[in-house]
Amino acid sequence: PNINHTVEAFKKLDFLIVQDIFMTETARLAD
């Protein structure tokens, strides 16, 4: 819920790994 809040939280992470079978909106934020 509240996508803007979710994106803001992800961007505050020092490091993000995403494992997935497709390039998703979340994966685009990953290091």
PDB file of all heavy atoms in Angstrom:
ATOM      1  N   PRO A   1       0.826  -1.216   0.000  1.00  0.00           N
ATOM      2  CA  PRO A   1       0.000   0.000   0.000  1.00  0.00           C
ATOM      3  C   PRO A   1       0.855   1.259   0.000  1.00  0.00           C
ATOM      4  O   PRO A   1       1.972   1.266   0.515  1.00  0.00           O
ATOM      5  CB  PRO A   1      -0.792  -0.120   1.306  1.00  0.00           C
ATOM      6  CG  PRO A   1       0.084  -0.947   2.194  1.00  0.00           C
ATOM      7  CD  PRO A   1       0.778  -1.929   1.289  1.00  0.00           C
ATOM      8  N   ASN A   2       0.307   2.324  -0.579  1.00  0.00           N
ATOM      9  CA  ASN A   2       0.983   3.621  -0.623  1.00  0.00           C
ATOM     10  C   ASN A   2       2.344   3.484  -1.300  1.00  0.00           C
ATOM     11  O   ASN A   2       3.406   3.539  -0.669  1.00  0.00           O
ATOM     12  CB  ASN A   2       1.127   4.205   0.792  1.00  0.00           C
ATOM     13  CG  ASN A   2       1.586   5.655   0.768  1.00  0.00           C
ATOM     14  OD1 ASN A   2       1.849   6.218  -0.283  1.00  0.00           O
ATOM     15  ND2 ASN A   2       1.685   6.249   1.941  1.00  0.00           N
ATOM     16  N   ILE A   3       2.307   3.304  -2.623  1.00  0.00           N
ATOM     17  CA  ILE A   3       3.510   3.022  -3.408  1.00  0.00           C
ATOM     18  C   ILE A   3       4.602   4.061  -3.183  1.00  0.00           C
ATOM     19  O   ILE A   3       5.795   3.719  -3.094  1.00  0.00           O
ATOM     20  CB  ILE A   3       3.155   2.915  -4.903  1.00  0.00           C
ATOM     21  CG1 ILE A   3       2.496   1.550  -5.179  1.00  0.00           C
ATOM     22  CG2 ILE A   3       4.390   3.087  -5.794  1.00  0.00           C
ATOM     23  CD1 ILE A   3       2.006   1.369  -6.595  1.00  0.00           C
ATOM     24  N   ASN A   4       4.248   5.317  -3.105  1.00  0.00           N
ATOM     25  CA  ASN A   4       5.267   6.360  -2.921  1.00  0.00           C
ATOM     26  C   ASN A   4       6.052   6.134  -1.631  1.00  0.00           C
ATOM     27  O   ASN A   4       7.271   6.312  -1.589  1.00  0.00           O
ATOM     28  CB  ASN A   4       4.611   7.744  -2.907  1.00  0.00           C
ATOM     29  CG  ASN A   4       4.028   8.110  -4.257  1.00  0.00           C
ATOM     30  OD1 ASN A   4       4.552   7.727  -5.295  1.00  0.00           O
ATOM     31  ND2 ASN A   4       2.931   8.854  -4.256  1.00  0.00           N
ATOM     32  N   HIS A   5       5.349   5.711  -0.586  1.00  0.00           N
ATOM     33  CA  HIS A   5       6.006   5.407   0.683  1.00  0.00           C
ATOM     34  C   HIS A   5       6.926   4.201   0.530  1.00  0.00           C
ATOM     35  O   HIS A   5       8.049   4.177   1.074  1.00  0.00           O
ATOM     36  CB  HIS A   5       4.938   5.138   1.751  1.00  0.00           C
ATOM     37  CG  HIS A   5       5.487   4.704   3.070  1.00  0.00           C
ATOM     38  ND1 HIS A   5       5.633   3.375   3.406  1.00  0.00           N
ATOM     39  CD2 HIS A   5       5.934   5.423   4.134  1.00  0.00           C
ATOM     40  CE1 HIS A   5       6.136   3.296   4.631  1.00  0.00           C
ATOM     41  NE2 HIS A   5       6.327   4.516   5.087  1.00  0.00           N
ATOM     42  N   THR A   6       6.481   3.174  -0.211  1.00  0.00           N
ATOM     43  CA  THR A   6       7.287   1.973  -0.419  1.00  0.00           C
ATOM     44  C   THR A   6       8.574   2.295  -1.167  1.00  0.00           C
ATOM     45  O   THR A   6       9.665   1.852  -0.781  1.00  0.00           O
ATOM     46  CB  THR A   6       6.477   0.925  -1.206  1.00  0.00           C
ATOM     47  OG1 THR A   6       5.259   0.639  -0.510  1.00  0.00           O
ATOM     48  CG2 THR A   6       7.272  -0.365  -1.382  1.00  0.00           C
ATOM     49  N   VAL A   7       8.454   3.060  -2.250  1.00  0.00           N
ATOM     50  CA  VAL A   7       9.632   3.428  -3.038  1.00  0.00           C
ATOM     51  C   VAL A   7      10.606   4.246  -2.196  1.00  0.00           C
ATOM     52  O   VAL A   7      11.825   4.026  -2.226  1.00  0.00           O
ATOM     53  CB  VAL A   7       9.213   4.211  -4.304  1.00  0.00           C
ATOM     54  CG1 VAL A   7      10.436   4.775  -5.018  1.00  0.00           C
ATOM     55  CG2 VAL A   7       8.423   3.303  -5.244  1.00  0.00           C
ATOM     56  N   GLU A   8      10.078   5.168  -1.417  1.00  0.00           N
ATOM     57  CA  GLU A   8      10.925   5.993  -0.557  1.00  0.00           C
ATOM     58  C   GLU A   8      11.694   5.126   0.444  1.00  0.00           C
ATOM     59  O   GLU A   8      12.889   5.338   0.694  1.00  0.00           O
ATOM     60  CB  GLU A   8      10.066   7.013   0.188  1.00  0.00           C
ATOM     61  CG  GLU A   8      10.851   7.951   1.088  1.00  0.00           C
ATOM     62  CD  GLU A   8       9.950   8.908   1.854  1.00  0.00           C
ATOM     63  OE1 GLU A   8       8.754   8.996   1.525  1.00  0.00           O
ATOM     64  OE2 GLU A   8      10.457   9.551   2.790  1.00  0.00           O
ATOM     65  N   ALA A   9      11.020   4.119   0.994  1.00  0.00           N
ATOM     66  CA  ALA A   9      11.667   3.222   1.958  1.00  0.00           C
ATOM     67  C   ALA A   9      12.781   2.418   1.294  1.00  0.00           C
ATOM     68  O   ALA A   9      13.876   2.268   1.851  1.00  0.00           O
ATOM     69  CB  ALA A   9      10.626   2.287   2.571  1.00  0.00           C
ATOM     70  N   PHE A  10      12.532   1.896   0.094  1.00  0.00           N
ATOM     71  CA  PHE A  10      13.564   1.150  -0.627  1.00  0.00           C
ATOM     72  C   PHE A  10      14.777   2.030  -0.923  1.00  0.00           C
ATOM     73  O   PHE A  10      15.923   1.593  -0.823  1.00  0.00           O
ATOM     74  CB  PHE A  10      13.008   0.579  -1.934  1.00  0.00           C
ATOM     75  CG  PHE A  10      12.363  -0.765  -1.785  1.00  0.00           C
ATOM     76  CD1 PHE A  10      11.050  -0.971  -2.170  1.00  0.00           C
ATOM     77  CD2 PHE A  10      13.067  -1.845  -1.270  1.00  0.00           C
ATOM     78  CE1 PHE A  10      10.449  -2.217  -2.042  1.00  0.00           C
ATOM     79  CE2 PHE A  10      12.490  -3.089  -1.127  1.00  0.00           C
ATOM     80  CZ  PHE A  10      11.165  -3.279  -1.514  1.00  0.00           C
ATOM     81  N   LYS A  11      14.528   3.258  -1.306  1.00  0.00           N
ATOM     82  CA  LYS A  11      15.635   4.155  -1.657  1.00  0.00           C
ATOM     83  C   LYS A  11      16.485   4.533  -0.449  1.00  0.00           C
ATOM     84  O   LYS A  11      17.626   4.981  -0.613  1.00  0.00           O
ATOM     85  CB  LYS A  11      15.088   5.404  -2.346  1.00  0.00           C
ATOM     86  CG  LYS A  11      14.584   5.128  -3.766  1.00  0.00           C
ATOM     87  CD  LYS A  11      14.100   6.392  -4.455  1.00  0.00           C
ATOM     88  CE  LYS A  11      13.719   6.108  -5.898  1.00  0.00           C
ATOM     89  NZ  LYS A  11      13.229   7.320  -6.601  1.00  0.00           N
ATOM     90  N   LYS A  12      15.958   4.356   0.754  1.00  0.00           N
ATOM     91  CA  LYS A  12      16.733   4.652   1.959  1.00  0.00           C
ATOM     92  C   LYS A  12      17.661   3.509   2.356  1.00  0.00           C
ATOM     93  O   LYS A  12      18.511   3.673   3.232  1.00  0.00           O
ATOM     94  CB  LYS A  12      15.780   4.969   3.119  1.00  0.00           C
ATOM     95  CG  LYS A  12      15.104   6.330   3.007  1.00  0.00           C
ATOM     96  CD  LYS A  12      14.201   6.587   4.200  1.00  0.00           C
ATOM     97  CE  LYS A  12      13.545   7.963   4.113  1.00  0.00           C
ATOM     98  NZ  LYS A  12      12.633   8.201   5.266  1.00  0.00           N
ATOM     99  N   LEU A  13      17.484   2.350   1.731  1.00  0.00           N
ATOM    100  CA  LEU A  13      18.339   1.216   2.072  1.00  0.00           C
ATOM    101  C   LEU A  13      19.776   1.475   1.615  1.00  0.00           C
ATOM    102  O   LEU A  13      20.017   2.073   0.573  1.00  0.00           O
ATOM    103  CB  LEU A  13      17.825  -0.060   1.397  1.00  0.00           C
ATOM    104  CG  LEU A  13      16.469  -0.597   1.859  1.00  0.00           C
ATOM    105  CD1 LEU A  13      16.060  -1.797   1.008  1.00  0.00           C
ATOM    106  CD2 LEU A  13      16.515  -0.987   3.329  1.00  0.00           C
ATOM    107  N   ASP A  14      20.736   0.992   2.395  1.00  0.00           N
ATOM    108  CA  ASP A  14      22.135   1.094   1.984  1.00  0.00           C
ATOM    109  C   ASP A  14      22.425   0.158   0.817  1.00  0.00           C
ATOM    110  O   ASP A  14      23.266   0.447  -0.040  1.00  0.00           O
ATOM    111  CB  ASP A  14      23.056   0.738   3.155  1.00  0.00           C
ATOM    112  CG  ASP A  14      22.964   1.751   4.281  1.00  0.00           C
ATOM    113  OD1 ASP A  14      22.748   2.943   3.983  1.00  0.00           O
ATOM    114  OD2 ASP A  14      23.097   1.351   5.453  1.00  0.00           O
ATOM    115  N   PHE A  15      21.722  -0.976   0.782  1.00  0.00           N
ATOM    116  CA  PHE A  15      22.035  -1.990  -0.238  1.00  0.00           C
ATOM    117  C   PHE A  15      20.814  -2.877  -0.432  1.00  0.00           C
ATOM    118  O   PHE A  15      20.213  -3.335   0.542  1.00  0.00           O
ATOM    119  CB  PHE A  15      23.229  -2.823   0.235  1.00  0.00           C
ATOM    120  CG  PHE A  15      23.745  -3.792  -0.791  1.00  0.00           C
ATOM    121  CD1 PHE A  15      24.302  -3.345  -1.979  1.00  0.00           C
ATOM    122  CD2 PHE A  15      23.678  -5.159  -0.554  1.00  0.00           C
ATOM    123  CE1 PHE A  15      24.786  -4.234  -2.907  1.00  0.00           C
ATOM    124  CE2 PHE A  15      24.158  -6.064  -1.480  1.00  0.00           C
ATOM    125  CZ  PHE A  15      24.723  -5.599  -2.666  1.00  0.00           C
ATOM    126  N   LEU A  16      20.436  -3.109  -1.672  1.00  0.00           N
ATOM    127  CA  LEU A  16      19.249  -3.917  -1.983  1.00  0.00           C
ATOM    128  C   LEU A  16      19.576  -4.938  -3.059  1.00  0.00           C
ATOM    129  O   LEU A  16      20.083  -4.593  -4.125  1.00  0.00           O
ATOM    130  CB  LEU A  16      18.101  -3.023  -2.468  1.00  0.00           C
ATOM    131  CG  LEU A  16      16.839  -3.737  -2.970  1.00  0.00           C
ATOM    132  CD1 LEU A  16      16.169  -4.538  -1.851  1.00  0.00           C
ATOM    133  CD2 LEU A  16      15.858  -2.739  -3.581  1.00  0.00           C
ATOM    134  N   ILE A  17      19.304  -6.200  -2.755  1.00  0.00           N
ATOM    135  CA  ILE A  17      19.417  -7.284  -3.735  1.00  0.00           C
ATOM    136  C   ILE A  17      18.014  -7.800  -4.024  1.00  0.00           C
ATOM    137  O   ILE A  17      17.234  -8.034  -3.105  1.00  0.00           O
ATOM    138  CB  ILE A  17      20.272  -8.450  -3.214  1.00  0.00           C
ATOM    139  CG1 ILE A  17      21.705  -7.989  -2.930  1.00  0.00           C
ATOM    140  CG2 ILE A  17      20.291  -9.597  -4.216  1.00  0.00           C
ATOM    141  CD1 ILE A  17      22.568  -9.069  -2.316  1.00  0.00           C
ATOM    142  N   VAL A  18      17.695  -7.964  -5.291  1.00  0.00           N
ATOM    143  CA  VAL A  18      16.415  -8.557  -5.694  1.00  0.00           C
ATOM    144  C   VAL A  18      16.704  -9.779  -6.556  1.00  0.00           C
ATOM    145  O   VAL A  18      17.483  -9.708  -7.510  1.00  0.00           O
ATOM    146  CB  VAL A  18      15.541  -7.554  -6.476  1.00  0.00           C
ATOM    147  CG1 VAL A  18      14.307  -8.259  -7.051  1.00  0.00           C
ATOM    148  CG2 VAL A  18      15.107  -6.412  -5.569  1.00  0.00           C
ATOM    149  N   GLN A  19      16.089 -10.893  -6.204  1.00  0.00           N
ATOM    150  CA  GLN A  19      16.184 -12.111  -7.007  1.00  0.00           C
ATOM    151  C   GLN A  19      14.819 -12.378  -7.623  1.00  0.00           C
ATOM    152  O   GLN A  19      13.824 -12.496  -6.917  1.00  0.00           O
ATOM    153  CB  GLN A  19      16.608 -13.300  -6.142  1.00  0.00           C
ATOM    154  CG  GLN A  19      16.693 -14.621  -6.899  1.00  0.00           C
ATOM    155  CD  GLN A  19      17.202 -15.742  -6.011  1.00  0.00           C
ATOM    156  OE1 GLN A  19      18.105 -15.541  -5.204  1.00  0.00           O
ATOM    157  NE2 GLN A  19      16.620 -16.930  -6.151  1.00  0.00           N
ATOM    158  N   ASP A  20      14.756 -12.442  -8.946  1.00  0.00           N
ATOM    159  CA  ASP A  20      13.465 -12.617  -9.610  1.00  0.00           C
ATOM    160  C   ASP A  20      13.684 -13.209 -10.994  1.00  0.00           C
ATOM    161  O   ASP A  20      14.807 -13.232 -11.508  1.00  0.00           O
ATOM    162  CB  ASP A  20      12.731 -11.277  -9.725  1.00  0.00           C
ATOM    163  CG  ASP A  20      11.217 -11.435  -9.638  1.00  0.00           C
ATOM    164  OD1 ASP A  20      10.687 -12.420 -10.208  1.00  0.00           O
ATOM    165  OD2 ASP A  20      10.559 -10.588  -9.024  1.00  0.00           O
ATOM    166  N   ILE A  21      12.590 -13.665 -11.602  1.00  0.00           N
ATOM    167  CA  ILE A  21      12.690 -14.231 -12.948  1.00  0.00           C
ATOM    168  C   ILE A  21      12.458 -13.184 -14.030  1.00  0.00           C
ATOM    169  O   ILE A  21      12.739 -13.428 -15.200  1.00  0.00           O
ATOM    170  CB  ILE A  21      11.728 -15.428 -13.141  1.00  0.00           C
ATOM    171  CG1 ILE A  21      10.270 -14.979 -13.029  1.00  0.00           C
ATOM    172  CG2 ILE A  21      12.039 -16.520 -12.150  1.00  0.00           C
ATOM    173  CD1 ILE A  21       9.268 -16.086 -13.348  1.00  0.00           C
ATOM    174  N   PHE A  22      11.920 -12.010 -13.637  1.00  0.00           N
ATOM    175  CA  PHE A  22      11.706 -10.910 -14.580  1.00  0.00           C
ATOM    176  C   PHE A  22      12.178  -9.602 -13.956  1.00  0.00           C
ATOM    177  O   PHE A  22      12.282  -9.477 -12.736  1.00  0.00           O
ATOM    178  CB  PHE A  22      10.226 -10.779 -14.953  1.00  0.00           C
ATOM    179  CG  PHE A  22       9.685 -11.902 -15.785  1.00  0.00           C
ATOM    180  CD1 PHE A  22       8.655 -12.700 -15.311  1.00  0.00           C
ATOM    181  CD2 PHE A  22      10.206 -12.166 -17.044  1.00  0.00           C
ATOM    182  CE1 PHE A  22       8.139 -13.731 -16.083  1.00  0.00           C
ATOM    183  CE2 PHE A  22       9.700 -13.208 -17.821  1.00  0.00           C
ATOM    184  CZ  PHE A  22       8.670 -13.988 -17.335  1.00  0.00           C
ATOM    185  N   MET A  23      12.427  -8.626 -14.821  1.00  0.00           N
ATOM    186  CA  MET A  23      12.722  -7.281 -14.348  1.00  0.00           C
ATOM    187  C   MET A  23      11.414  -6.636 -13.891  1.00  0.00           C
ATOM    188  O   MET A  23      10.526  -6.356 -14.690  1.00  0.00           O
ATOM    189  CB  MET A  23      13.359  -6.449 -15.447  1.00  0.00           C
ATOM    190  CG  MET A  23      13.620  -5.007 -15.068  1.00  0.00           C
ATOM    191  SD  MET A  23      14.809  -4.826 -13.747  1.00  0.00           S
ATOM    192  CE  MET A  23      16.326  -5.090 -14.668  1.00  0.00           C
ATOM    193  N   THR A  24      11.302  -6.408 -12.598  1.00  0.00           N
ATOM    194  CA  THR A  24      10.094  -5.826 -12.030  1.00  0.00           C
ATOM    195  C   THR A  24      10.367  -4.392 -11.585  1.00  0.00           C
ATOM    196  O   THR A  24      11.516  -3.929 -11.590  1.00  0.00           O
ATOM    197  CB  THR A  24       9.620  -6.638 -10.816  1.00  0.00           C
ATOM    198  OG1 THR A  24      10.612  -6.540  -9.785  1.00  0.00           O
ATOM    199  CG2 THR A  24       9.392  -8.097 -11.168  1.00  0.00           C
ATOM    200  N   GLU A  25       9.313  -3.716 -11.166  1.00  0.00           N
ATOM    201  CA  GLU A  25       9.463  -2.351 -10.654  1.00  0.00           C
ATOM    202  C   GLU A  25      10.358  -2.331  -9.412  1.00  0.00           C
ATOM    203  O   GLU A  25      11.124  -1.385  -9.204  1.00  0.00           O
ATOM    204  CB  GLU A  25       8.089  -1.758 -10.326  1.00  0.00           C
ATOM    205  CG  GLU A  25       7.242  -1.427 -11.546  1.00  0.00           C
ATOM    206  CD  GLU A  25       6.692  -2.651 -12.255  1.00  0.00           C
ATOM    207  OE1 GLU A  25       6.634  -3.735 -11.631  1.00  0.00           O
ATOM    208  OE2 GLU A  25       6.329  -2.537 -13.440  1.00  0.00           O
ATOM    209  N   THR A  26      10.273  -3.372  -8.599  1.00  0.00           N
ATOM    210  CA  THR A  26      11.142  -3.467  -7.425  1.00  0.00           C
ATOM    211  C   THR A  26      12.580  -3.740  -7.829  1.00  0.00           C
ATOM    212  O   THR A  26      13.513  -3.143  -7.285  1.00  0.00           O
ATOM    213  CB  THR A  26      10.633  -4.575  -6.477  1.00  0.00           C
ATOM    214  OG1 THR A  26       9.260  -4.341  -6.169  1.00  0.00           O
ATOM    215  CG2 THR A  26      11.435  -4.602  -5.186  1.00  0.00           C
ATOM    216  N   ALA A  27      12.774  -4.628  -8.806  1.00  0.00           N
ATOM    217  CA  ALA A  27      14.130  -4.960  -9.250  1.00  0.00           C
ATOM    218  C   ALA A  27      14.858  -3.735  -9.807  1.00  0.00           C
ATOM    219  O   ALA A  27      16.080  -3.621  -9.684  1.00  0.00           O
ATOM    220  CB  ALA A  27      14.076  -6.065 -10.296  1.00  0.00           C
ATOM    221  N   ARG A  28      14.115  -2.822 -10.407  1.00  0.00           N
ATOM    222  CA  ARG A  28      14.745  -1.628 -10.977  1.00  0.00           C
ATOM    223  C   ARG A  28      15.382  -0.745  -9.901  1.00  0.00           C
ATOM    224  O   ARG A  28      16.219   0.105 -10.203  1.00  0.00           O
ATOM    225  CB  ARG A  28      13.723  -0.823 -11.785  1.00  0.00           C
ATOM    226  CG  ARG A  28      13.305  -1.503 -13.072  1.00  0.00           C
ATOM    227  CD  ARG A  28      12.497  -0.576 -13.972  1.00  0.00           C
ATOM    228  NE  ARG A  28      12.110  -1.257 -15.197  1.00  0.00           N
ATOM    229  CZ  ARG A  28      10.945  -1.848 -15.395  1.00  0.00           C
ATOM    230  NH1 ARG A  28      10.026  -1.811 -14.439  1.00  0.00           N
ATOM    231  NH2 ARG A  28      10.663  -2.453 -16.535  1.00  0.00           N
ATOM    232  N   LEU A  29      14.990  -0.925  -8.659  1.00  0.00           N
ATOM    233  CA  LEU A  29      15.564  -0.146  -7.562  1.00  0.00           C
ATOM    234  C   LEU A  29      16.772  -0.833  -6.934  1.00  0.00           C
ATOM    235  O   LEU A  29      17.420  -0.269  -6.055  1.00  0.00           O
ATOM    236  CB  LEU A  29      14.508   0.088  -6.475  1.00  0.00           C
ATOM    237  CG  LEU A  29      13.241   0.849  -6.891  1.00  0.00           C
ATOM    238  CD1 LEU A  29      12.264   0.896  -5.722  1.00  0.00           C
ATOM    239  CD2 LEU A  29      13.584   2.252  -7.364  1.00  0.00           C
ATOM    240  N   ALA A  30      17.087  -2.040  -7.380  1.00  0.00           N
ATOM    241  CA  ALA A  30      18.104  -2.855  -6.713  1.00  0.00           C
ATOM    242  C   ALA A  30      19.518  -2.440  -7.103  1.00  0.00           C
ATOM    243  O   ALA A  30      19.778  -1.965  -8.210  1.00  0.00           O
ATOM    244  CB  ALA A  30      17.896  -4.328  -7.061  1.00  0.00           C
ATOM    245  N   ASP A  31      20.447  -2.640  -6.165  1.00  0.00           N
ATOM    246  CA  ASP A  31      21.869  -2.483  -6.458  1.00  0.00           C
ATOM    247  C   ASP A  31      22.385  -3.688  -7.240  1.00  0.00           C
ATOM    248  O   ASP A  31      23.250  -3.556  -8.105  1.00  0.00           O
ATOM    249  CB  ASP A  31      22.664  -2.337  -5.157  1.00  0.00           C
ATOM    250  CG  ASP A  31      22.262  -1.098  -4.383  1.00  0.00           C
ATOM    251  OD1 ASP A  31      22.665   0.006  -4.778  1.00  0.00           O
ATOM    252  OD2 ASP A  31      21.521  -1.233  -3.385  1.00  0.00           O
TER     253      ASP A  31
END
